[in-house]
Amino acid sequence: MSDLEITHQSVRDYIAAKKRGDKKTTDRIIAEVQARFDTRQTDESETAQLLRATMHVRFEEGE
């Protein structure tokens, strides 16, 4: 993820949870970000960063 600047706490939390293998938390964060985007409480940058994180970080990858 070094090629991506993370500016949203939700994305940092998602990456940490995914590295721990915490699917319950990653699913919750995805749902929260989607709900914020759907109701226009966030812009597309949070969603885009989260999408990149889903593609680049593996479950239980470690710190």
C-alpha atoms as a PDB file:
ATOM      1  CA  MET A   1       0.000   0.000   0.000  1.00  0.00           C
ATOM      2  CA  SER A   2       3.025   2.266  -0.052  1.00  0.00           C
ATOM      3  CA  ASP A   3       1.967   3.585  -3.475  1.00  0.00           C
ATOM      4  CA  LEU A   4      -1.289   4.907  -2.029  1.00  0.00           C
ATOM      5  CA  GLU A   5      -1.625   7.747   0.418  1.00  0.00           C
ATOM      6  CA  ILE A   6      -4.217   6.783   3.024  1.00  0.00           C
ATOM      7  CA  THR A   7      -6.104   9.834   4.257  1.00  0.00           C
ATOM      8  CA  HIS A   8      -9.151   8.178   5.803  1.00  0.00           C
ATOM      9  CA  GLN A   9      -9.109   6.549   9.234  1.00  0.00           C
ATOM     10  CA  SER A  10     -11.679   4.025   8.063  1.00  0.00           C
ATOM     11  CA  VAL A  11      -9.245   2.744   5.432  1.00  0.00           C
ATOM     12  CA  ARG A  12      -6.399   2.514   7.958  1.00  0.00           C
ATOM     13  CA  ASP A  13      -8.730   0.576  10.266  1.00  0.00           C
ATOM     14  CA  TYR A  14      -9.783  -1.685   7.388  1.00  0.00           C
ATOM     15  CA  ILE A  15      -6.164  -2.480   6.483  1.00  0.00           C
ATOM     16  CA  ALA A  16      -5.298  -3.282  10.107  1.00  0.00           C
ATOM     17  CA  ALA A  17      -8.354  -5.530  10.478  1.00  0.00           C
ATOM     18  CA  LYS A  18      -7.668  -7.318   7.220  1.00  0.00           C
ATOM     19  CA  LYS A  19      -4.058  -7.962   8.198  1.00  0.00           C
ATOM     20  CA  ARG A  20      -5.361  -9.495  11.452  1.00  0.00           C
ATOM     21  CA  GLY A  21      -7.801 -11.652   9.504  1.00  0.00           C
ATOM     22  CA  ASP A  22     -10.799  -9.956  11.149  1.00  0.00           C
ATOM     23  CA  LYS A  23     -13.522 -10.448   8.526  1.00  0.00           C
ATOM     24  CA  LYS A  24     -16.312  -9.213  10.809  1.00  0.00           C
ATOM     25  CA  THR A  25     -14.604  -5.825  11.159  1.00  0.00           C
ATOM     26  CA  THR A  26     -13.671  -5.538   7.484  1.00  0.00           C
ATOM     27  CA  ASP A  27     -17.254  -6.302   6.479  1.00  0.00           C
ATOM     28  CA  ARG A  28     -18.553  -3.680   8.938  1.00  0.00           C
ATOM     29  CA  ILE A  29     -16.162  -1.011   7.653  1.00  0.00           C
ATOM     30  CA  ILE A  30     -17.099  -1.723   4.033  1.00  0.00           C
ATOM     31  CA  ALA A  31     -20.791  -1.422   4.903  1.00  0.00           C
ATOM     32  CA  GLU A  32     -20.237   1.853   6.796  1.00  0.00           C
ATOM     33  CA  VAL A  33     -18.227   3.435   3.978  1.00  0.00           C
ATOM     34  CA  GLN A  34     -20.805   2.310   1.408  1.00  0.00           C
ATOM     35  CA  ALA A  35     -23.620   3.801   3.518  1.00  0.00           C
ATOM     36  CA  ARG A  36     -21.750   7.115   3.833  1.00  0.00           C
ATOM     37  CA  PHE A  37     -21.146   7.198   0.097  1.00  0.00           C
ATOM     38  CA  ASP A  38     -24.758   6.298  -0.712  1.00  0.00           C
ATOM     39  CA  THR A  39     -26.035   9.149   1.478  1.00  0.00           C
ATOM     40  CA  ARG A  40     -23.377  11.574   0.207  1.00  0.00           C
ATOM     41  CA  GLN A  41     -21.736  11.899   3.634  1.00  0.00           C
ATOM     42  CA  THR A  42     -18.346  11.184   2.071  1.00  0.00           C
ATOM     43  CA  ASP A  43     -16.772  11.783  -1.276  1.00  0.00           C
ATOM     44  CA  GLU A  44     -15.437   9.181  -3.641  1.00  0.00           C
ATOM     45  CA  SER A  45     -11.879   9.380  -2.247  1.00  0.00           C
ATOM     46  CA  GLU A  46     -12.754   7.255   0.800  1.00  0.00           C
ATOM     47  CA  THR A  47     -14.474   4.672  -1.379  1.00  0.00           C
ATOM     48  CA  ALA A  48     -11.588   4.656  -3.876  1.00  0.00           C
ATOM     49  CA  GLN A  49      -8.983   4.181  -1.137  1.00  0.00           C
ATOM     50  CA  LEU A  50     -11.021   1.360   0.374  1.00  0.00           C
ATOM     51  CA  LEU A  51     -11.317  -0.330  -3.015  1.00  0.00           C
ATOM     52  CA  ARG A  52      -7.552  -0.144  -3.494  1.00  0.00           C
ATOM     53  CA  ALA A  53      -7.037  -1.608  -0.030  1.00  0.00           C
ATOM     54  CA  THR A  54      -9.381  -4.515  -0.780  1.00  0.00           C
ATOM     55  CA  MET A  55      -7.300  -5.358  -3.837  1.00  0.00           C
ATOM     56  CA  HIS A  56      -3.824  -4.904  -2.360  1.00  0.00           C
ATOM     57  CA  VAL A  57      -3.982  -6.196   1.225  1.00  0.00           C
ATOM     58  CA  ARG A  58      -4.400  -9.898   1.940  1.00  0.00           C
ATOM     59  CA  PHE A  59      -6.128 -11.371   4.963  1.00  0.00           C
ATOM     60  CA  GLU A  60      -3.713 -12.179   7.769  1.00  0.00           C
ATOM     61  CA  GLU A  61      -0.843 -10.597   5.863  1.00  0.00           C
ATOM     62  CA  GLY A  62       0.760  -9.360   9.085  1.00  0.00           C
ATOM     63  CA  GLU A  63       2.015  -5.917   9.937  1.00  0.00           C
END
